PDB file of N, CA and C in Angstrom:
ATOM      1  N   MET A   1      55.767  92.080  82.072  1.00  0.00           N
ATOM      2  CA  MET A   1      55.062  91.062  81.321  1.00  0.00           C
ATOM      3  C   MET A   1      53.945  90.490  82.187  1.00  0.00           C
ATOM      4  N   SER A   2      52.793  90.333  81.610  1.00  0.00           N
ATOM      5  CA  SER A   2      51.630  89.845  82.340  1.00  0.00           C
ATOM      6  C   SER A   2      51.616  88.320  82.408  1.00  0.00           C
ATOM      7  N   ALA A   3      51.065  87.801  83.480  1.00  0.00           N
ATOM      8  CA  ALA A   3      50.942  86.352  83.650  1.00  0.00           C
ATOM      9  C   ALA A   3      49.926  85.793  82.661  1.00  0.00           C
ATOM     10  N   ARG A   4      50.063  84.520  82.343  1.00  0.00           N
ATOM     11  CA  ARG A   4      49.089  83.816  81.512  1.00  0.00           C
ATOM     12  C   ARG A   4      48.290  82.895  82.424  1.00  0.00           C
ATOM     13  N   VAL A   5      46.982  83.015  82.392  1.00  0.00           N
ATOM     14  CA  VAL A   5      46.120  82.180  83.229  1.00  0.00           C
ATOM     15  C   VAL A   5      45.299  81.271  82.322  1.00  0.00           C
ATOM     16  N   THR A   6      45.305  79.991  82.655  1.00  0.00           N
ATOM     17  CA  THR A   6      44.515  78.997  81.934  1.00  0.00           C
ATOM     18  C   THR A   6      43.703  78.223  82.948  1.00  0.00           C
ATOM     19  N   MET A   7      42.452  77.980  82.619  1.00  0.00           N
ATOM     20  CA  MET A   7      41.603  77.156  83.469  1.00  0.00           C
ATOM     21  C   MET A   7      41.131  75.955  82.660  1.00  0.00           C
ATOM     22  N   TYR A   8      41.459  74.753  83.123  1.00  0.00           N
ATOM     23  CA  TYR A   8      40.971  73.534  82.498  1.00  0.00           C
ATOM     24  C   TYR A   8      39.633  73.180  83.136  1.00  0.00           C
ATOM     25  N   SER A   9      38.664  72.858  82.290  1.00  0.00           N
ATOM     26  CA  SER A   9      37.317  72.557  82.774  1.00  0.00           C
ATOM     27  C   SER A   9      36.650  71.549  81.848  1.00  0.00           C
ATOM     28  N   ARG A  10      35.405  71.246  82.154  1.00  0.00           N
ATOM     29  CA  ARG A  10      34.585  70.441  81.243  1.00  0.00           C
ATOM     30  C   ARG A  10      33.131  70.811  81.462  1.00  0.00           C
ATOM     31  N   PRO A  11      32.303  70.619  80.447  1.00  0.00           N
ATOM     32  CA  PRO A  11      30.885  70.969  80.553  1.00  0.00           C
ATOM     33  C   PRO A  11      30.190  70.186  81.673  1.00  0.00           C
ATOM     34  N   GLY A  12      29.242  70.840  82.328  1.00  0.00           N
ATOM     35  CA  GLY A  12      28.460  70.184  83.370  1.00  0.00           C
ATOM     36  C   GLY A  12      29.135  70.115  84.720  1.00  0.00           C
ATOM     37  N   CYS A  13      30.241  70.787  84.886  1.00  0.00           N
ATOM     38  CA  CYS A  13      31.009  70.767  86.134  1.00  0.00           C
ATOM     39  C   CYS A  13      30.633  71.994  86.966  1.00  0.00           C
ATOM     40  N   HIS A  14      29.932  71.785  88.095  1.00  0.00           N
ATOM     41  CA  HIS A  14      29.515  72.926  88.905  1.00  0.00           C
ATOM     42  C   HIS A  14      30.695  73.653  89.545  1.00  0.00           C
ATOM     43  N   LEU A  15      31.749  72.930  89.894  1.00  0.00           N
ATOM     44  CA  LEU A  15      32.935  73.591  90.443  1.00  0.00           C
ATOM     45  C   LEU A  15      33.600  74.468  89.382  1.00  0.00           C
ATOM     46  N   CYS A  16      33.521  74.026  88.122  1.00  0.00           N
ATOM     47  CA  CYS A  16      34.077  74.827  87.019  1.00  0.00           C
ATOM     48  C   CYS A  16      33.296  76.129  86.868  1.00  0.00           C
ATOM     49  N   ASP A  17      31.982  76.043  87.016  1.00  0.00           N
ATOM     50  CA  ASP A  17      31.152  77.247  86.927  1.00  0.00           C
ATOM     51  C   ASP A  17      31.542  78.254  88.006  1.00  0.00           C
ATOM     52  N   GLU A  18      31.747  77.763  89.216  1.00  0.00           N
ATOM     53  CA  GLU A  18      32.149  78.638  90.319  1.00  0.00           C
ATOM     54  C   GLU A  18      33.544  79.211  90.085  1.00  0.00           C
ATOM     55  N   ALA A  19      34.468  78.359  89.661  1.00  0.00           N
ATOM     56  CA  ALA A  19      35.848  78.791  89.431  1.00  0.00           C
ATOM     57  C   ALA A  19      35.917  79.826  88.309  1.00  0.00           C
ATOM     58  N   ARG A  20      35.125  79.630  87.261  1.00  0.00           N
ATOM     59  CA  ARG A  20      35.102  80.562  86.133  1.00  0.00           C
ATOM     60  C   ARG A  20      34.778  81.975  86.604  1.00  0.00           C
ATOM     61  N   GLU A  21      33.805  82.098  87.486  1.00  0.00           N
ATOM     62  CA  GLU A  21      33.430  83.414  88.005  1.00  0.00           C
ATOM     63  C   GLU A  21      34.576  84.053  88.779  1.00  0.00           C
ATOM     64  N   VAL A  22      35.242  83.265  89.612  1.00  0.00           N
ATOM     65  CA  VAL A  22      36.360  83.784  90.414  1.00  0.00           C
ATOM     66  C   VAL A  22      37.517  84.187  89.508  1.00  0.00           C
ATOM     67  N   VAL A  23      37.899  83.308  88.591  1.00  0.00           N
ATOM     68  CA  VAL A  23      39.027  83.592  87.698  1.00  0.00           C
ATOM     69  C   VAL A  23      38.727  84.831  86.854  1.00  0.00           C
ATOM     70  N   ALA A  24      37.530  84.911  86.306  1.00  0.00           N
ATOM     71  CA  ALA A  24      37.165  86.065  85.476  1.00  0.00           C
ATOM     72  C   ALA A  24      37.243  87.366  86.274  1.00  0.00           C
ATOM     73  N   ALA A  25      36.735  87.352  87.493  1.00  0.00           N
ATOM     74  CA  ALA A  25      36.730  88.568  88.317  1.00  0.00           C
ATOM     75  C   ALA A  25      38.141  88.989  88.711  1.00  0.00           C
ATOM     76  N   VAL A  26      38.949  88.051  89.163  1.00  0.00           N
ATOM     77  CA  VAL A  26      40.306  88.386  89.598  1.00  0.00           C
ATOM     78  C   VAL A  26      41.150  88.822  88.405  1.00  0.00           C
ATOM     79  N   CYS A  27      41.030  88.128  87.298  1.00  0.00           N
ATOM     80  CA  CYS A  27      41.806  88.500  86.107  1.00  0.00           C
ATOM     81  C   CYS A  27      41.382  89.870  85.585  1.00  0.00           C
ATOM     82  N   ALA A  28      40.103  90.177  85.647  1.00  0.00           N
ATOM     83  CA  ALA A  28      39.636  91.505  85.228  1.00  0.00           C
ATOM     84  C   ALA A  28      40.222  92.580  86.136  1.00  0.00           C
ATOM     85  N   LYS A  29      40.234  92.315  87.425  1.00  0.00           N
ATOM     86  CA  LYS A  29      40.799  93.269  88.383  1.00  0.00           C
ATOM     87  C   LYS A  29      42.270  93.537  88.094  1.00  0.00           C
ATOM     88  N   ARG A  30      43.008  92.482  87.774  1.00  0.00           N
ATOM     89  CA  ARG A  30      44.448  92.587  87.527  1.00  0.00           C
ATOM     90  C   ARG A  30      44.777  92.878  86.063  1.00  0.00           C
ATOM     91  N   LYS A  31      43.726  92.984  85.231  1.00  0.00           N
ATOM     92  CA  LYS A  31      43.906  93.217  83.791  1.00  0.00           C
ATOM     93  C   LYS A  31      44.789  92.142  83.155  1.00  0.00           C
ATOM     94  N   VAL A  32      44.472  90.899  83.505  1.00  0.00           N
ATOM     95  CA  VAL A  32      45.194  89.735  82.988  1.00  0.00           C
ATOM     96  C   VAL A  32      44.228  88.936  82.119  1.00  0.00           C
ATOM     97  N   ALA A  33      44.661  88.627  80.913  1.00  0.00           N
ATOM     98  CA  ALA A  33      43.842  87.796  80.030  1.00  0.00           C
ATOM     99  C   ALA A  33      43.894  86.345  80.518  1.00  0.00           C
ATOM    100  N   TRP A  34      42.821  85.639  80.289  1.00  0.00           N
ATOM    101  CA  TRP A  34      42.798  84.230  80.670  1.00  0.00           C
ATOM    102  C   TRP A  34      42.035  83.454  79.609  1.00  0.00           C
ATOM    103  N   GLU A  35      42.264  82.144  79.603  1.00  0.00           N
ATOM    104  CA  GLU A  35      41.556  81.280  78.675  1.00  0.00           C
ATOM    105  C   GLU A  35      41.043  80.058  79.418  1.00  0.00           C
ATOM    106  N   GLU A  36      39.970  79.512  78.883  1.00  0.00           N
ATOM    107  CA  GLU A  36      39.388  78.292  79.435  1.00  0.00           C
ATOM    108  C   GLU A  36      39.516  77.198  78.385  1.00  0.00           C
ATOM    109  N   VAL A  37      39.972  76.036  78.810  1.00  0.00           N
ATOM    110  CA  VAL A  37      40.169  74.907  77.913  1.00  0.00           C
ATOM    111  C   VAL A  37      39.291  73.751  78.374  1.00  0.00           C
ATOM    112  N   ASP A  38      38.458  73.252  77.457  1.00  0.00           N
ATOM    113  CA  ASP A  38      37.584  72.110  77.723  1.00  0.00           C
ATOM    114  C   ASP A  38      38.407  70.838  77.569  1.00  0.00           C
ATOM    115  N   ILE A  39      38.672  70.143  78.683  1.00  0.00           N
ATOM    116  CA  ILE A  39      39.515  68.947  78.620  1.00  0.00           C
ATOM    117  C   ILE A  39      38.803  67.755  77.993  1.00  0.00           C
ATOM    118  N   SER A  40      37.480  67.817  77.882  1.00  0.00           N
ATOM    119  CA  SER A  40      36.751  66.668  77.329  1.00  0.00           C
ATOM    120  C   SER A  40      37.058  66.456  75.850  1.00  0.00           C
ATOM    121  N   ALA A  41      37.641  67.449  75.205  1.00  0.00           N
ATOM    122  CA  ALA A  41      37.998  67.331  73.786  1.00  0.00           C
ATOM    123  C   ALA A  41      39.421  66.810  73.594  1.00  0.00           C
ATOM    124  N   ASP A  42      40.127  66.530  74.679  1.00  0.00           N
ATOM    125  CA  ASP A  42      41.525  66.124  74.588  1.00  0.00           C
ATOM    126  C   ASP A  42      41.783  64.957  75.544  1.00  0.00           C
ATOM    127  N   ALA A  43      42.059  63.786  75.012  1.00  0.00           N
ATOM    128  CA  ALA A  43      42.243  62.581  75.828  1.00  0.00           C
ATOM    129  C   ALA A  43      43.408  62.717  76.806  1.00  0.00           C
ATOM    130  N   ALA A  44      44.494  63.360  76.373  1.00  0.00           N
ATOM    131  CA  ALA A  44      45.662  63.508  77.250  1.00  0.00           C
ATOM    132  C   ALA A  44      45.336  64.409  78.439  1.00  0.00           C
ATOM    133  N   LEU A  45      44.649  65.532  78.183  1.00  0.00           N
ATOM    134  CA  LEU A  45      44.270  66.424  79.281  1.00  0.00           C
ATOM    135  C   LEU A  45      43.257  65.763  80.210  1.00  0.00           C
ATOM    136  N   THR A  46      42.318  65.014  79.641  1.00  0.00           N
ATOM    137  CA  THR A  46      41.343  64.308  80.461  1.00  0.00           C
ATOM    138  C   THR A  46      42.037  63.298  81.357  1.00  0.00           C
ATOM    139  N   SER A  47      43.013  62.586  80.819  1.00  0.00           N
ATOM    140  CA  SER A  47      43.761  61.609  81.608  1.00  0.00           C
ATOM    141  C   SER A  47      44.548  62.281  82.730  1.00  0.00           C
ATOM    142  N   GLU A  48      45.159  63.423  82.424  1.00  0.00           N
ATOM    143  CA  GLU A  48      45.999  64.107  83.410  1.00  0.00           C
ATOM    144  C   GLU A  48      45.203  64.851  84.473  1.00  0.00           C
ATOM    145  N   TYR A  49      44.101  65.518  84.070  1.00  0.00           N
ATOM    146  CA  TYR A  49      43.396  66.410  84.988  1.00  0.00           C
ATOM    147  C   TYR A  49      41.953  66.022  85.281  1.00  0.00           C
ATOM    148  N   GLY A  50      41.478  64.930  84.716  1.00  0.00           N
ATOM    149  CA  GLY A  50      40.067  64.575  84.795  1.00  0.00           C
ATOM    150  C   GLY A  50      39.461  64.552  86.180  1.00  0.00           C
ATOM    151  N   GLU A  51      40.204  64.138  87.181  1.00  0.00           N
ATOM    152  CA  GLU A  51      39.679  64.051  88.544  1.00  0.00           C
ATOM    153  C   GLU A  51      39.913  65.321  89.351  1.00  0.00           C
ATOM    154  N   GLN A  52      40.629  66.274  88.793  1.00  0.00           N
ATOM    155  CA  GLN A  52      40.988  67.470  89.559  1.00  0.00           C
ATOM    156  C   GLN A  52      40.295  68.739  89.073  1.00  0.00           C
ATOM    157  N   ILE A  53      39.558  68.689  87.995  1.00  0.00           N
ATOM    158  CA  ILE A  53      39.018  69.926  87.441  1.00  0.00           C
ATOM    159  C   ILE A  53      38.058  70.616  88.394  1.00  0.00           C
ATOM    160  N   PRO A  54      37.967  71.913  88.327  1.00  0.00           N
ATOM    161  CA  PRO A  54      38.759  72.770  87.481  1.00  0.00           C
ATOM    162  C   PRO A  54      40.205  72.883  87.974  1.00  0.00           C
ATOM    163  N   VAL A  55      41.109  73.050  87.040  1.00  0.00           N
ATOM    164  CA  VAL A  55      42.517  73.254  87.358  1.00  0.00           C
ATOM    165  C   VAL A  55      42.908  74.619  86.794  1.00  0.00           C
ATOM    166  N   VAL A  56      43.547  75.430  87.620  1.00  0.00           N
ATOM    167  CA  VAL A  56      43.999  76.748  87.191  1.00  0.00           C
ATOM    168  C   VAL A  56      45.519  76.734  87.109  1.00  0.00           C
ATOM    169  N   LEU A  57      46.023  77.169  85.964  1.00  0.00           N
ATOM    170  CA  LEU A  57      47.458  77.281  85.754  1.00  0.00           C
ATOM    171  C   LEU A  57      47.828  78.744  85.571  1.00  0.00           C
ATOM    172  N   ILE A  58      48.977  79.115  86.101  1.00  0.00           N
ATOM    173  CA  ILE A  58      49.539  80.436  85.875  1.00  0.00           C
ATOM    174  C   ILE A  58      50.896  80.216  85.230  1.00  0.00           C
ATOM    175  N   ASP A  59      51.040  80.765  84.043  1.00  0.00           N
ATOM    176  CA  ASP A  59      52.275  80.601  83.278  1.00  0.00           C
ATOM    177  C   ASP A  59      52.655  79.129  83.123  1.00  0.00           C
ATOM    178  N   GLY A  60      51.642  78.281  82.915  1.00  0.00           N
ATOM    179  CA  GLY A  60      51.879  76.865  82.655  1.00  0.00           C
ATOM    180  C   GLY A  60      52.091  76.001  83.883  1.00  0.00           C
ATOM    181  N   GLU A  61      52.082  76.590  85.059  1.00  0.00           N
ATOM    182  CA  GLU A  61      52.275  75.835  86.300  1.00  0.00           C
ATOM    183  C   GLU A  61      50.962  75.778  87.071  1.00  0.00           C
ATOM    184  N   VAL A  62      50.661  74.619  87.633  1.00  0.00           N
ATOM    185  CA  VAL A  62      49.413  74.450  88.372  1.00  0.00           C
ATOM    186  C   VAL A  62      49.404  75.372  89.586  1.00  0.00           C
ATOM    187  N   HIS A  63      48.377  76.193  89.635  1.00  0.00           N
ATOM    188  CA  HIS A  63      48.164  77.098  90.771  1.00  0.00           C
ATOM    189  C   HIS A  63      47.260  76.427  91.797  1.00  0.00           C
ATOM    190  N   GLY A  64      46.263  75.681  91.315  1.00  0.00           N
ATOM    191  CA  GLY A  64      45.339  75.012  92.219  1.00  0.00           C
ATOM    192  C   GLY A  64      44.258  74.281  91.447  1.00  0.00           C
ATOM    193  N   PHE A  65      43.469  73.522  92.183  1.00  0.00           N
ATOM    194  CA  PHE A  65      42.382  72.780  91.554  1.00  0.00           C
ATOM    195  C   PHE A  65      41.200  72.688  92.500  1.00  0.00           C
ATOM    196  N   TRP A  66      40.072  72.272  91.952  1.00  0.00           N
ATOM    197  CA  TRP A  66      38.765  72.170  92.598  1.00  0.00           C
ATOM    198  C   TRP A  66      38.195  73.538  92.946  1.00  0.00           C
ATOM    199  N   ARG A  67      38.642  74.140  93.994  1.00  0.00           N
ATOM    200  CA  ARG A  67      38.113  75.449  94.404  1.00  0.00           C
ATOM    201  C   ARG A  67      39.206  76.505  94.249  1.00  0.00           C
ATOM    202  N   VAL A  68      38.812  77.672  93.745  1.00  0.00           N
ATOM    203  CA  VAL A  68      39.774  78.750  93.521  1.00  0.00           C
ATOM    204  C   VAL A  68      39.580  79.791  94.617  1.00  0.00           C
ATOM    205  N   ASP A  69      40.633  80.035  95.370  1.00  0.00           N
ATOM    206  CA  ASP A  69      40.618  81.047  96.418  1.00  0.00           C
ATOM    207  C   ASP A  69      40.937  82.394  95.758  1.00  0.00           C
ATOM    208  N   PRO A  70      39.959  83.313  95.718  1.00  0.00           N
ATOM    209  CA  PRO A  70      40.198  84.574  95.012  1.00  0.00           C
ATOM    210  C   PRO A  70      41.358  85.384  95.590  1.00  0.00           C
ATOM    211  N   ALA A  71      41.518  85.389  96.894  1.00  0.00           N
ATOM    212  CA  ALA A  71      42.606  86.157  97.512  1.00  0.00           C
ATOM    213  C   ALA A  71      43.963  85.573  97.132  1.00  0.00           C
ATOM    214  N   ARG A  72      44.064  84.265  97.123  1.00  0.00           N
ATOM    215  CA  ARG A  72      45.331  83.607  96.758  1.00  0.00           C
ATOM    216  C   ARG A  72      45.666  83.855  95.289  1.00  0.00           C
ATOM    217  N   LEU A  73      44.667  83.729  94.415  1.00  0.00           N
ATOM    218  CA  LEU A  73      44.895  83.975  92.990  1.00  0.00           C
ATOM    219  C   LEU A  73      45.305  85.432  92.770  1.00  0.00           C
ATOM    220  N   ASP A  74      44.644  86.348  93.445  1.00  0.00           N
ATOM    221  CA  ASP A  74      44.969  87.765  93.324  1.00  0.00           C
ATOM    222  C   ASP A  74      46.407  88.033  93.766  1.00  0.00           C
ATOM    223  N   ARG A  75      46.803  87.474  94.889  1.00  0.00           N
ATOM    224  CA  ARG A  75      48.176  87.678  95.380  1.00  0.00           C
ATOM    225  C   ARG A  75      49.199  87.163  94.366  1.00  0.00           C
ATOM    226  N   GLU A  76      48.929  85.992  93.800  1.00  0.00           N
ATOM    227  CA  GLU A  76      49.874  85.397  92.858  1.00  0.00           C
ATOM    228  C   GLU A  76      49.971  86.235  91.584  1.00  0.00           C
ATOM    229  N   LEU A  77      48.836  86.720  91.087  1.00  0.00           N
ATOM    230  CA  LEU A  77      48.871  87.543  89.884  1.00  0.00           C
ATOM    231  C   LEU A  77      49.546  88.881  90.147  1.00  0.00           C
ATOM    232  N   LYS A  78      49.341  89.428  91.334  1.00  0.00           N
ATOM    233  CA  LYS A  78      50.014  90.681  91.702  1.00  0.00           C
ATOM    234  C   LYS A  78      51.516  90.478  91.743  1.00  0.00           C
ATOM    235  N   ARG A  79      51.937  89.359  92.285  1.00  0.00           N
ATOM    236  CA  ARG A  79      53.367  89.031  92.396  1.00  0.00           C
ATOM    237  C   ARG A  79      54.010  88.844  91.014  1.00  0.00           C
ATOM    238  N   LYS A  80      53.252  88.299  90.075  1.00  0.00           N
ATOM    239  CA  LYS A  80      53.783  88.016  88.740  1.00  0.00           C
ATOM    240  C   LYS A  80      53.907  89.251  87.865  1.00  0.00           C
ATOM    241  N   ARG A  81      53.277  90.346  88.229  1.00  0.00           N
ATOM    242  CA  ARG A  81      53.276  91.547  87.370  1.00  0.00           C
ATOM    243  C   ARG A  81      54.562  92.242  87.413  1.00  0.00           C
TER     244      ARG A  81
END
């Protein structure tokens, strides 16, 4: 079973732009689908993650926030396969 990757972000976030590129590349390499969720449309998500975005979750658990380390994300996705 493949891991589920979610990235919480919001428009105008330069760290989100950088993280999106890393997540997309690593997920493509591992053939893992991922989704991006705009937290600005959800008050609860904004309250929970507003100061930490981008936040990357794997299978619903926080993997990391702010900067995404491609090697670390790759290792975790490899382990989950």
